[in-house]
C-alpha atoms as a PDB file:
ATOM      1  CA  MET A   1      -2.354  15.508   8.726  1.00  0.00           C
ATOM      2  CA  SER A   2      -2.379  11.850   8.888  1.00  0.00           C
ATOM      3  CA  GLU A   3      -0.161  11.388   5.687  1.00  0.00           C
ATOM      4  CA  PHE A   4       2.399  14.077   7.002  1.00  0.00           C
ATOM      5  CA  GLY A   5       2.910  12.108  10.199  1.00  0.00           C
ATOM      6  CA  GLY A   6       2.778   8.768   8.773  1.00  0.00           C
ATOM      7  CA  THR A   7       5.228   9.643   5.979  1.00  0.00           C
ATOM      8  CA  PHE A   8       7.424  11.404   8.668  1.00  0.00           C
ATOM      9  CA  MET A   9       7.456   8.318  11.044  1.00  0.00           C
ATOM     10  CA  PHE A  10       8.138   5.852   7.986  1.00  0.00           C
ATOM     11  CA  LEU A  11      10.837   7.766   6.675  1.00  0.00           C
ATOM     12  CA  PHE A  12      12.252   8.803  10.109  1.00  0.00           C
ATOM     13  CA  MET A  13      12.715   5.377  11.200  1.00  0.00           C
ATOM     14  CA  ALA A  14      14.196   4.090   7.675  1.00  0.00           C
ATOM     15  CA  PHE A  15      16.644   6.998   7.700  1.00  0.00           C
ATOM     16  CA  ALA A  16      17.698   6.460  11.076  1.00  0.00           C
ATOM     17  CA  ALA A  17      18.088   2.669  10.516  1.00  0.00           C
ATOM     18  CA  THR A  18      20.312   3.521   7.354  1.00  0.00           C
ATOM     19  CA  GLN A  19      22.311   5.742   9.226  1.00  0.00           C
ATOM     20  CA  VAL A  20      22.983   3.435  11.774  1.00  0.00           C
ATOM     21  CA  ALA A  21      23.901   0.622   9.404  1.00  0.00           C
ATOM     22  CA  ASN A  22      26.303   3.162   7.716  1.00  0.00           C
ATOM     23  CA  ALA A  23      27.742   4.590  10.930  1.00  0.00           C
ATOM     24  CA  ALA A  24      30.982   2.461  10.785  1.00  0.00           C
ATOM     25  CA  ALA A  25      31.462   3.119   6.975  1.00  0.00           C
ATOM     26  CA  PRO A  26      32.961   6.134   5.680  1.00  0.00           C
ATOM     27  CA  ALA A  27      30.699   8.670   4.181  1.00  0.00           C
ATOM     28  CA  THR A  28      31.057   9.152   0.604  1.00  0.00           C
ATOM     29  CA  ALA A  29      31.562  12.736  -0.981  1.00  0.00           C
ATOM     30  CA  ASP A  30      27.757  12.983  -1.934  1.00  0.00           C
ATOM     31  CA  GLY A  31      26.313  11.812   1.374  1.00  0.00           C
ATOM     32  CA  SER A  32      25.167   8.451  -0.169  1.00  0.00           C
ATOM     33  CA  LEU A  33      25.058   4.924   0.904  1.00  0.00           C
ATOM     34  CA  THR A  34      28.548   3.231   0.613  1.00  0.00           C
ATOM     35  CA  GLN A  35      29.347   1.856  -2.644  1.00  0.00           C
ATOM     36  CA  THR A  36      30.820  -1.597  -1.301  1.00  0.00           C
ATOM     37  CA  PRO A  37      28.689  -4.567  -1.524  1.00  0.00           C
ATOM     38  CA  ASP A  38      28.235  -5.506   1.873  1.00  0.00           C
ATOM     39  CA  SER A  39      25.312  -7.960   2.012  1.00  0.00           C
ATOM     40  CA  SER A  40      24.639  -7.531   5.797  1.00  0.00           C
ATOM     41  CA  ASN A  41      24.214  -3.632   5.341  1.00  0.00           C
ATOM     42  CA  LEU A  42      22.074  -4.109   2.443  1.00  0.00           C
ATOM     43  CA  LEU A  43      19.775  -6.587   4.460  1.00  0.00           C
ATOM     44  CA  PHE A  44      19.851  -4.226   7.311  1.00  0.00           C
ATOM     45  CA  ILE A  45      18.663  -1.229   5.329  1.00  0.00           C
ATOM     46  CA  SER A  46      16.048  -3.382   3.399  1.00  0.00           C
ATOM     47  CA  LEU A  47      14.595  -4.686   6.365  1.00  0.00           C
ATOM     48  CA  ALA A  48      14.444  -1.213   7.972  1.00  0.00           C
ATOM     49  CA  PHE A  49      12.594   0.375   5.004  1.00  0.00           C
ATOM     50  CA  GLY A  50      10.320  -2.942   4.630  1.00  0.00           C
ATOM     51  CA  PHE A  51       9.316  -2.880   8.437  1.00  0.00           C
ATOM     52  CA  SER A  52       9.013   0.737   8.833  1.00  0.00           C
ATOM     53  CA  LEU A  53       6.598   0.971   5.952  1.00  0.00           C
ATOM     54  CA  ALA A  54       4.397  -2.189   7.382  1.00  0.00           C
ATOM     55  CA  VAL A  55       4.133  -0.601  10.850  1.00  0.00           C
ATOM     56  CA  ASN A  56       3.427   2.713   9.945  1.00  0.00           C
ATOM     57  CA  ALA A  57       1.154   1.931   6.977  1.00  0.00           C
ATOM     58  CA  TRP A  58      -0.748  -0.455   9.330  1.00  0.00           C
ATOM     59  CA  ALA A  59      -1.077   2.308  11.972  1.00  0.00           C
ATOM     60  CA  PHE A  60      -2.566   4.885   9.500  1.00  0.00           C
ATOM     61  CA  PHE A  61      -4.214   2.381   6.972  1.00  0.00           C
ATOM     62  CA  ARG A  62      -7.469   3.461   8.489  1.00  0.00           C
ATOM     63  CA  ILE A  63      -7.060   7.095   8.491  1.00  0.00           C
ATOM     64  CA  SER A  64      -5.381   8.223   5.238  1.00  0.00           C
ATOM     65  CA  GLY A  65      -4.733   4.680   3.565  1.00  0.00           C
ATOM     66  CA  GLY A  66      -1.063   4.903   4.412  1.00  0.00           C
ATOM     67  CA  LEU A  67       0.301   6.127   1.155  1.00  0.00           C
ATOM     68  CA  PHE A  68       3.772   7.818   2.278  1.00  0.00           C
ATOM     69  CA  ASN A  69       4.733   7.918  -1.580  1.00  0.00           C
ATOM     70  CA  PRO A  70       3.837  10.566  -4.320  1.00  0.00           C
ATOM     71  CA  VAL A  71       3.795   7.731  -7.042  1.00  0.00           C
ATOM     72  CA  VAL A  72       1.371   5.640  -5.009  1.00  0.00           C
ATOM     73  CA  THR A  73      -0.669   8.662  -4.669  1.00  0.00           C
ATOM     74  CA  LEU A  74      -0.636   9.124  -8.510  1.00  0.00           C
ATOM     75  CA  GLY A  75      -1.255   5.506  -9.021  1.00  0.00           C
ATOM     76  CA  LEU A  76      -4.444   5.452  -6.784  1.00  0.00           C
ATOM     77  CA  TYR A  77      -5.767   8.566  -8.382  1.00  0.00           C
ATOM     78  CA  LEU A  78      -5.329   7.189 -11.850  1.00  0.00           C
ATOM     79  CA  ILE A  79      -7.380   4.097 -10.948  1.00  0.00           C
ATOM     80  CA  GLY A  80      -9.968   6.424  -9.156  1.00  0.00           C
ATOM     81  CA  ALA A  81      -9.355   5.303  -5.566  1.00  0.00           C
ATOM     82  CA  ILE A  82      -8.699   8.955  -4.507  1.00  0.00           C
ATOM     83  CA  LYS A  83      -9.810  12.302  -5.601  1.00  0.00           C
ATOM     84  CA  PRO A  84      -7.781  14.909  -7.269  1.00  0.00           C
ATOM     85  CA  PHE A  85      -7.980  17.491  -4.296  1.00  0.00           C
ATOM     86  CA  ARG A  86      -6.839  14.695  -1.926  1.00  0.00           C
ATOM     87  CA  ALA A  87      -4.041  13.625  -4.356  1.00  0.00           C
ATOM     88  CA  VAL A  88      -2.632  16.942  -4.525  1.00  0.00           C
ATOM     89  CA  SER A  89      -2.729  17.792  -0.788  1.00  0.00           C
ATOM     90  CA  VAL A  90      -1.231  14.162   0.134  1.00  0.00           C
ATOM     91  CA  PHE A  91       1.530  14.667  -2.354  1.00  0.00           C
ATOM     92  CA  PHE A  92       2.613  18.013  -0.518  1.00  0.00           C
ATOM     93  CA  ALA A  93       2.231  16.632   2.757  1.00  0.00           C
ATOM     94  CA  GLN A  94       4.543  13.499   1.859  1.00  0.00           C
ATOM     95  CA  ILE A  95       7.259  15.941   0.517  1.00  0.00           C
ATOM     96  CA  ILE A  96       7.346  18.100   3.414  1.00  0.00           C
ATOM     97  CA  ALA A  97       7.352  15.043   5.933  1.00  0.00           C
ATOM     98  CA  SER A  98      10.399  13.692   3.832  1.00  0.00           C
ATOM     99  CA  ILE A  99      12.415  16.677   4.288  1.00  0.00           C
ATOM    100  CA  CYS A 100      11.362  17.076   8.034  1.00  0.00           C
ATOM    101  CA  ALA A 101      12.385  13.274   8.664  1.00  0.00           C
ATOM    102  CA  ALA A 102      15.776  13.783   6.908  1.00  0.00           C
ATOM    103  CA  GLY A 103      16.551  17.168   8.676  1.00  0.00           C
ATOM    104  CA  ILE A 104      15.697  15.578  12.248  1.00  0.00           C
ATOM    105  CA  VAL A 105      17.890  12.413  11.476  1.00  0.00           C
ATOM    106  CA  SER A 106      20.609  14.692  10.292  1.00  0.00           C
ATOM    107  CA  ALA A 107      20.318  16.666  13.425  1.00  0.00           C
ATOM    108  CA  LEU A 108      20.104  13.875  15.996  1.00  0.00           C
ATOM    109  CA  PHE A 109      23.005  11.592  14.650  1.00  0.00           C
ATOM    110  CA  PRO A 110      26.604  12.844  15.388  1.00  0.00           C
ATOM    111  CA  SER A 111      28.009  11.220  12.010  1.00  0.00           C
ATOM    112  CA  PRO A 112      27.418  12.903   8.754  1.00  0.00           C
ATOM    113  CA  MET A 113      24.211  12.117   7.026  1.00  0.00           C
ATOM    114  CA  ASN A 114      24.864   9.180   4.847  1.00  0.00           C
ATOM    115  CA  VAL A 115      21.407   8.116   3.451  1.00  0.00           C
ATOM    116  CA  ASN A 116      21.254   9.641   0.000  1.00  0.00           C
ATOM    117  CA  THR A 117      20.437   7.671  -2.935  1.00  0.00           C
ATOM    118  CA  THR A 118      23.072   7.460  -5.771  1.00  0.00           C
ATOM    119  CA  LEU A 119      23.946   5.259  -8.458  1.00  0.00           C
ATOM    120  CA  GLY A 120      26.360   2.531  -7.492  1.00  0.00           C
ATOM    121  CA  GLY A 121      28.054  -0.752  -8.683  1.00  0.00           C
ATOM    122  CA  GLY A 122      28.788   0.901 -12.178  1.00  0.00           C
ATOM    123  CA  THR A 123      25.010   1.417 -12.741  1.00  0.00           C
ATOM    124  CA  SER A 124      24.317   3.757 -15.619  1.00  0.00           C
ATOM    125  CA  ILE A 125      21.777   6.325 -15.555  1.00  0.00           C
ATOM    126  CA  VAL A 126      19.557   4.588 -18.040  1.00  0.00           C
ATOM    127  CA  GLN A 127      19.836   1.390 -16.022  1.00  0.00           C
ATOM    128  CA  GLY A 128      18.884   3.227 -12.825  1.00  0.00           C
ATOM    129  CA  LEU A 129      15.992   4.722 -14.473  1.00  0.00           C
ATOM    130  CA  PHE A 130      14.782   1.304 -15.505  1.00  0.00           C
ATOM    131  CA  ILE A 131      15.594  -0.265 -12.197  1.00  0.00           C
ATOM    132  CA  GLU A 132      13.702   2.171 -10.273  1.00  0.00           C
ATOM    133  CA  MET A 133      10.667   1.966 -12.638  1.00  0.00           C
ATOM    134  CA  PHE A 134      10.395  -1.935 -12.438  1.00  0.00           C
ATOM    135  CA  LEU A 135      10.861  -1.925  -8.578  1.00  0.00           C
ATOM    136  CA  THR A 136       8.184   0.662  -8.242  1.00  0.00           C
ATOM    137  CA  ALA A 137       5.795  -1.048 -10.678  1.00  0.00           C
ATOM    138  CA  GLU A 138       6.155  -4.175  -8.238  1.00  0.00           C
ATOM    139  CA  LEU A 139       5.320  -2.013  -5.176  1.00  0.00           C
ATOM    140  CA  VAL A 140       2.368  -0.075  -6.664  1.00  0.00           C
ATOM    141  CA  PHE A 141       0.797  -3.147  -8.171  1.00  0.00           C
ATOM    142  CA  VAL A 142       0.984  -4.932  -4.905  1.00  0.00           C
ATOM    143  CA  ILE A 143      -0.693  -2.091  -3.208  1.00  0.00           C
ATOM    144  CA  PHE A 144      -3.400  -1.988  -5.741  1.00  0.00           C
ATOM    145  CA  MET A 145      -4.059  -5.682  -5.453  1.00  0.00           C
ATOM    146  CA  LEU A 146      -3.930  -5.949  -1.644  1.00  0.00           C
ATOM    147  CA  ALA A 147      -5.538  -2.487  -0.535  1.00  0.00           C
ATOM    148  CA  ALA A 148      -7.358  -1.006  -3.375  1.00  0.00           C
ATOM    149  CA  GLU A 149      -9.048  -4.342  -4.122  1.00  0.00           C
ATOM    150  CA  LYS A 150     -11.291  -5.584  -1.504  1.00  0.00           C
ATOM    151  CA  HIS A 151     -10.790  -9.134  -0.235  1.00  0.00           C
ATOM    152  CA  LYS A 152     -10.584 -11.303   3.032  1.00  0.00           C
ATOM    153  CA  ALA A 153      -7.198 -10.278   3.716  1.00  0.00           C
ATOM    154  CA  THR A 154      -7.297  -6.616   3.046  1.00  0.00           C
ATOM    155  CA  TYR A 155      -6.950  -5.846   6.682  1.00  0.00           C
ATOM    156  CA  LEU A 156      -3.284  -7.567   6.353  1.00  0.00           C
ATOM    157  CA  ALA A 157      -2.455  -5.430   3.261  1.00  0.00           C
ATOM    158  CA  PRO A 158       0.462  -3.480   5.158  1.00  0.00           C
ATOM    159  CA  VAL A 159       2.176  -6.511   5.830  1.00  0.00           C
ATOM    160  CA  GLY A 160       2.150  -7.549   2.290  1.00  0.00           C
ATOM    161  CA  ILE A 161       3.062  -4.037   1.033  1.00  0.00           C
ATOM    162  CA  GLY A 162       5.976  -3.753   3.471  1.00  0.00           C
ATOM    163  CA  LEU A 163       7.308  -7.097   2.252  1.00  0.00           C
ATOM    164  CA  ALA A 164       7.020  -5.897  -1.306  1.00  0.00           C
ATOM    165  CA  LEU A 165       9.281  -2.949  -0.244  1.00  0.00           C
ATOM    166  CA  PHE A 166      11.431  -5.259   1.313  1.00  0.00           C
ATOM    167  CA  VAL A 167      12.308  -7.399  -1.474  1.00  0.00           C
ATOM    168  CA  SER A 168      12.479  -4.626  -3.887  1.00  0.00           C
ATOM    169  CA  GLU A 169      14.893  -2.603  -1.507  1.00  0.00           C
ATOM    170  CA  MET A 170      17.074  -5.901  -1.594  1.00  0.00           C
ATOM    171  CA  THR A 171      17.464  -5.551  -5.503  1.00  0.00           C
ATOM    172  CA  GLY A 172      17.706  -1.895  -5.626  1.00  0.00           C
ATOM    173  CA  VAL A 173      19.729  -0.478  -2.664  1.00  0.00           C
ATOM    174  CA  TYR A 174      23.138  -1.341  -4.161  1.00  0.00           C
ATOM    175  CA  PHE A 175      22.488  -0.100  -7.620  1.00  0.00           C
ATOM    176  CA  THR A 176      20.399   2.772  -7.205  1.00  0.00           C
ATOM    177  CA  GLY A 177      19.985   3.260  -3.420  1.00  0.00           C
ATOM    178  CA  GLY A 178      16.457   1.777  -3.770  1.00  0.00           C
ATOM    179  CA  SER A 179      14.281   4.871  -3.790  1.00  0.00           C
ATOM    180  CA  LEU A 180      10.984   3.713  -5.356  1.00  0.00           C
ATOM    181  CA  ASN A 181       9.840   6.895  -3.736  1.00  0.00           C
ATOM    182  CA  PRO A 182      10.612  10.535  -4.915  1.00  0.00           C
ATOM    183  CA  ALA A 183       9.845  11.832  -1.372  1.00  0.00           C
ATOM    184  CA  ARG A 184      12.643   9.353   0.113  1.00  0.00           C
ATOM    185  CA  SER A 185      15.151  10.761  -2.261  1.00  0.00           C
ATOM    186  CA  PHE A 186      14.167  14.466  -2.233  1.00  0.00           C
ATOM    187  CA  GLY A 187      14.339  14.668   1.600  1.00  0.00           C
ATOM    188  CA  PRO A 188      17.888  13.712   2.034  1.00  0.00           C
ATOM    189  CA  ALA A 189      19.091  15.786  -1.086  1.00  0.00           C
ATOM    190  CA  VAL A 190      17.540  18.907   0.194  1.00  0.00           C
ATOM    191  CA  ILE A 191      18.994  18.585   3.757  1.00  0.00           C
ATOM    192  CA  THR A 192      22.405  17.503   2.516  1.00  0.00           C
ATOM    193  CA  ARG A 193      22.123  20.231  -0.439  1.00  0.00           C
ATOM    194  CA  ASN A 194      23.302  17.441  -2.861  1.00  0.00           C
ATOM    195  CA  PHE A 195      21.528  16.941  -5.920  1.00  0.00           C
ATOM    196  CA  PRO A 196      23.422  14.912  -8.417  1.00  0.00           C
ATOM    197  CA  GLY A 197      22.708  15.728 -12.102  1.00  0.00           C
ATOM    198  CA  TYR A 198      20.789  12.301 -12.426  1.00  0.00           C
ATOM    199  CA  HIS A 199      18.383  12.935  -9.545  1.00  0.00           C
ATOM    200  CA  TRP A 200      15.546  13.405 -12.035  1.00  0.00           C
ATOM    201  CA  ILE A 201      15.603   9.501 -12.355  1.00  0.00           C
ATOM    202  CA  TYR A 202      14.247   9.094  -8.818  1.00  0.00           C
ATOM    203  CA  TRP A 203      11.151  11.180 -10.019  1.00  0.00           C
ATOM    204  CA  LEU A 204      10.829  10.021 -13.499  1.00  0.00           C
ATOM    205  CA  GLY A 205      11.454   6.091 -12.858  1.00  0.00           C
ATOM    206  CA  PRO A 206       8.954   5.858  -9.990  1.00  0.00           C
ATOM    207  CA  VAL A 207       6.530   7.799 -12.144  1.00  0.00           C
ATOM    208  CA  PHE A 208       6.897   5.419 -14.983  1.00  0.00           C
ATOM    209  CA  GLY A 209       6.734   2.375 -12.606  1.00  0.00           C
ATOM    210  CA  SER A 210       3.304   3.797 -11.194  1.00  0.00           C
ATOM    211  CA  LEU A 211       2.085   4.145 -14.685  1.00  0.00           C
ATOM    212  CA  LEU A 212       3.159   0.517 -15.946  1.00  0.00           C
ATOM    213  CA  ALA A 213       1.477  -0.597 -12.549  1.00  0.00           C
ATOM    214  CA  VAL A 214      -1.679   1.183 -13.393  1.00  0.00           C
ATOM    215  CA  GLY A 215      -1.823  -0.143 -16.886  1.00  0.00           C
ATOM    216  CA  PHE A 216      -1.392  -3.821 -15.949  1.00  0.00           C
ATOM    217  CA  TYR A 217      -3.982  -3.479 -13.250  1.00  0.00           C
ATOM    218  CA  LYS A 218      -6.413  -2.053 -15.594  1.00  0.00           C
ATOM    219  CA  LEU A 219      -5.652  -4.823 -17.955  1.00  0.00           C
ATOM    220  CA  MET A 220      -6.454  -7.194 -15.220  1.00  0.00           C
ATOM    221  CA  LYS A 221      -9.700  -5.666 -14.448  1.00  0.00           C
ATOM    222  CA  PHE A 222     -10.551  -5.436 -18.370  1.00  0.00           C
ATOM    223  CA  SER A 223      -9.945  -9.117 -18.613  1.00  0.00           C
ATOM    224  CA  GLU A 224     -12.105  -9.720 -15.434  1.00  0.00           C
ATOM    225  CA  TYR A 225      -9.842 -11.618 -13.470  1.00  0.00           C
ATOM    226  CA  GLU A 226     -12.579 -12.334 -10.968  1.00  0.00           C
ATOM    227  CA  THR A 227     -13.955 -15.076 -13.174  1.00  0.00           C
ATOM    228  CA  VAL A 228     -10.822 -17.285 -12.784  1.00  0.00           C
ATOM    229  CA  ASN A 229     -11.707 -18.034  -9.052  1.00  0.00           C
ATOM    230  CA  PRO A 230     -15.010 -16.622  -8.420  1.00  0.00           C
ATOM    231  CA  GLY A 231     -16.165 -16.220  -4.720  1.00  0.00           C
ATOM    232  CA  GLN A 232     -12.831 -16.800  -3.060  1.00  0.00           C
ATOM    233  CA  ASP A 233     -13.187 -13.538  -1.167  1.00  0.00           C
ATOM    234  CA  PHE A 234     -16.913 -13.816  -0.301  1.00  0.00           C
ATOM    235  CA  ASP A 235     -17.916 -14.380   3.464  1.00  0.00           C
ATOM    236  CA  ASP A 236     -20.244 -17.270   4.600  1.00  0.00           C
ATOM    237  CA  HIS A 237     -23.393 -15.177   4.358  1.00  0.00           C
ATOM    238  CA  GLU A 238     -22.244 -13.916   0.780  1.00  0.00           C
ATOM    239  CA  MET A 239     -21.531 -17.518  -0.192  1.00  0.00           C
ATOM    240  CA  GLU A 240     -24.923 -18.644   0.814  1.00  0.00           C
ATOM    241  CA  LEU A 241     -26.415 -16.164  -1.694  1.00  0.00           C
ATOM    242  CA  PHE A 242     -23.831 -16.784  -4.375  1.00  0.00           C
ATOM    243  CA  ASP A 243     -24.772 -18.875  -7.344  1.00  0.00           C
ATOM    244  CA  PRO A 244     -22.784 -18.295 -10.391  1.00  0.00           C
ATOM    245  CA  PRO A 245     -23.227 -20.273 -13.553  1.00  0.00           C
ATOM    246  CA  ALA A 246     -21.008 -23.151 -14.076  1.00  0.00           C
ATOM    247  CA  GLU A 247     -18.660 -21.443 -16.402  1.00  0.00           C
ATOM    248  CA  ALA A 248     -18.702 -17.804 -15.829  1.00  0.00           C
ATOM    249  CA  VAL A 249     -17.472 -15.542 -18.332  1.00  0.00           C
ATOM    250  CA  THR A 250     -18.257 -12.104 -17.263  1.00  0.00           C
ATOM    251  CA  GLY A 251     -17.297 -10.091 -14.109  1.00  0.00           C
ATOM    252  CA  GLU A 252     -21.207  -9.303 -13.751  1.00  0.00           C
ATOM    253  CA  GLU A 253     -21.989 -13.009 -13.335  1.00  0.00           C
ATOM    254  CA  VAL A 254     -19.760 -13.552 -10.570  1.00  0.00           C
ATOM    255  CA  ARG A 255     -20.100 -10.005  -8.743  1.00  0.00           C
ATOM    256  CA  ARG A 256     -20.160  -9.767  -4.867  1.00  0.00           C
ATOM    257  CA  PRO A 257     -23.956 -10.389  -3.782  1.00  0.00           C
ATOM    258  CA  ASN A 258     -25.798  -7.516  -2.089  1.00  0.00           C
ATOM    259  CA  VAL A 259     -26.201  -9.216   1.339  1.00  0.00           C
ATOM    260  CA  ALA A 260     -27.922  -6.154   2.948  1.00  0.00           C
ATOM    261  CA  ALA A 261     -30.647  -6.208  -0.021  1.00  0.00           C
ATOM    262  CA  GLU A 262     -31.051 -10.108   0.078  1.00  0.00           C
ATOM    263  CA  THR A 263     -31.156 -10.187   3.831  1.00  0.00           C
ATOM    264  CA  SER A 264     -33.711  -7.546   4.122  1.00  0.00           C
ATOM    265  CA  GLU A 265     -35.826  -9.370   1.559  1.00  0.00           C
ATOM    266  CA  GLN A 266     -35.468 -12.656   3.519  1.00  0.00           C
ATOM    267  CA  ALA A 267     -36.560 -10.745   6.697  1.00  0.00           C
ATOM    268  CA  ILE A 268     -39.778  -9.329   5.066  1.00  0.00           C
ATOM    269  CA  GLN A 269     -40.634 -12.797   3.507  1.00  0.00           C
ATOM    270  CA  ALA A 270     -40.001 -14.252   7.124  1.00  0.00           C
ATOM    271  CA  VAL A 271     -42.237 -11.728   8.856  1.00  0.00           C
ATOM    272  CA  ILE A 272     -45.058 -12.253   5.767  1.00  0.00           C
ATOM    273  CA  SER A 273     -44.905 -16.202   6.398  1.00  0.00           C
ATOM    274  CA  GLY A 274     -45.347 -15.776  10.233  1.00  0.00           C
ATOM    275  CA  GLU A 275     -41.863 -16.741  11.502  1.00  0.00           C
ATOM    276  CA  PRO A 276     -41.063 -14.815  14.767  1.00  0.00           C
ATOM    277  CA  LEU A 277     -38.022 -12.496  14.630  1.00  0.00           C
ATOM    278  CA  ASN A 278     -36.791 -12.535  18.181  1.00  0.00           C
ATOM    279  CA  MET A 279     -33.907 -10.007  18.125  1.00  0.00           C
ATOM    280  CA  SER A 280     -32.486 -11.389  21.371  1.00  0.00           C
ATOM    281  CA  GLY A 281     -31.793 -14.850  19.624  1.00  0.00           C
ATOM    282  CA  SER A 282     -33.883 -16.603  22.553  1.00  0.00           C
ATOM    283  CA  ARG A 283     -35.299 -20.164  21.817  1.00  0.00           C
ATOM    284  CA  GLY A 284     -38.492 -18.917  20.053  1.00  0.00           C
ATOM    285  CA  THR A 285     -36.421 -17.736  17.055  1.00  0.00           C
ATOM    286  CA  SER A 286     -36.792 -19.901  14.097  1.00  0.00           C
ATOM    287  CA  SER A 287     -33.421 -21.043  12.293  1.00  0.00           C
ATOM    288  CA  ARG A 288     -34.264 -18.987   9.295  1.00  0.00           C
ATOM    289  CA  ALA A 289     -34.936 -15.651  11.093  1.00  0.00           C
ATOM    290  CA  SER A 290     -31.697 -16.267  13.103  1.00  0.00           C
ATOM    291  CA  ARG A 291     -29.625 -16.708   9.800  1.00  0.00           C
ATOM    292  CA  VAL A 292     -31.469 -13.335   8.764  1.00  0.00           C
ATOM    293  CA  ILE A 293     -30.516 -11.595  11.933  1.00  0.00           C
ATOM    294  CA  GLY A 294     -27.007 -12.931  11.844  1.00  0.00           C
ATOM    295  CA  GLY A 295     -26.800 -11.726   8.314  1.00  0.00           C
ATOM    296  CA  LEU A 296     -27.988  -8.389   9.123  1.00  0.00           C
ATOM    297  CA  ASP A 297     -25.563  -7.905  11.968  1.00  0.00           C
ATOM    298  CA  GLU A 298     -22.636  -8.729   9.712  1.00  0.00           C
ATOM    299  CA  VAL A 299     -23.724  -6.249   6.943  1.00  0.00           C
ATOM    300  CA  ILE A 300     -23.753  -3.521   9.637  1.00  0.00           C
ATOM    301  CA  GLU A 301     -20.247  -4.542  10.719  1.00  0.00           C
ATOM    302  CA  VAL A 302     -18.962  -4.654   7.156  1.00  0.00           C
ATOM    303  CA  GLU A 303     -20.377  -1.349   6.526  1.00  0.00           C
ATOM    304  CA  ARG A 304     -18.563   0.005   9.483  1.00  0.00           C
ATOM    305  CA  GLU A 305     -15.304  -1.385   8.294  1.00  0.00           C
ATOM    306  CA  GLU A 306     -15.863  -0.090   4.821  1.00  0.00           C
ATOM    307  CA  LYS A 307     -16.502   3.390   6.167  1.00  0.00           C
ATOM    308  CA  SER A 308     -13.204   3.296   8.115  1.00  0.00           C
ATOM    309  CA  ASN A 309     -11.296   2.160   4.847  1.00  0.00           C
ATOM    310  CA  PRO A 310     -10.036   5.392   3.128  1.00  0.00           C
ATOM    311  CA  PHE A 311     -10.078   3.786  -0.366  1.00  0.00           C
END
């Protein structure tokens, strides 16, 4: 339900804004974006898609992850972030939501629907395929690094993801319609009953892009990128327990400390040594015990956040 609702709201707002941007422009025979390179229109459409994704992904991030895109779902499945059954169910929810969003936009606005993705600017089918592939790879890799990889700014991931879509749309809207998402292209095509002969590039290109992002992400993980700047995403309690070698060469040497285990051990040692553990934090509590209690409190809070994170 969450993915259906989120995908619907993301695409509804994006389609509606695109329809507004093209309201004064003549609709093309295939119901696509106008092929005149109007930079203000391109900027308006790119902002609409980027901001709509950022806002709705942030709203649904703690529920379903805010995927809203079948190839993002595919990528997260391939890196092991989501299970097969969930991936399949989310895929169908996204496709159905895209059709519903396009249908409602078509019904609400008086002008002919003008949001289909088509090739423009003399772009060939092969060029369109690779444009979609590389732009999608950018988007999916950003999602991997900001949402699937845990760090201090994970809670801001939807903002970065929305900006990634924005810059990709700035490049792609004029040449391919800036799909990067099979659901985004499929919904309007169903409602307008207009499937160009090259519609397949809006499926195959993003799929190739997702696979490219998966390959690059796994290469980064294989090369253990964490050793380049160890501890950069640790909190204060983790940094107190973090003691890497001078020149770490493996990911195991710079792994995140197990604060729960370490603070529990410290609490036991504090009790054994006779230090009082005043849970109310009054004057009788020793500095060491206070640090232990603070660490345990933070562990509980982190565990709560991790349980709410869908990845």
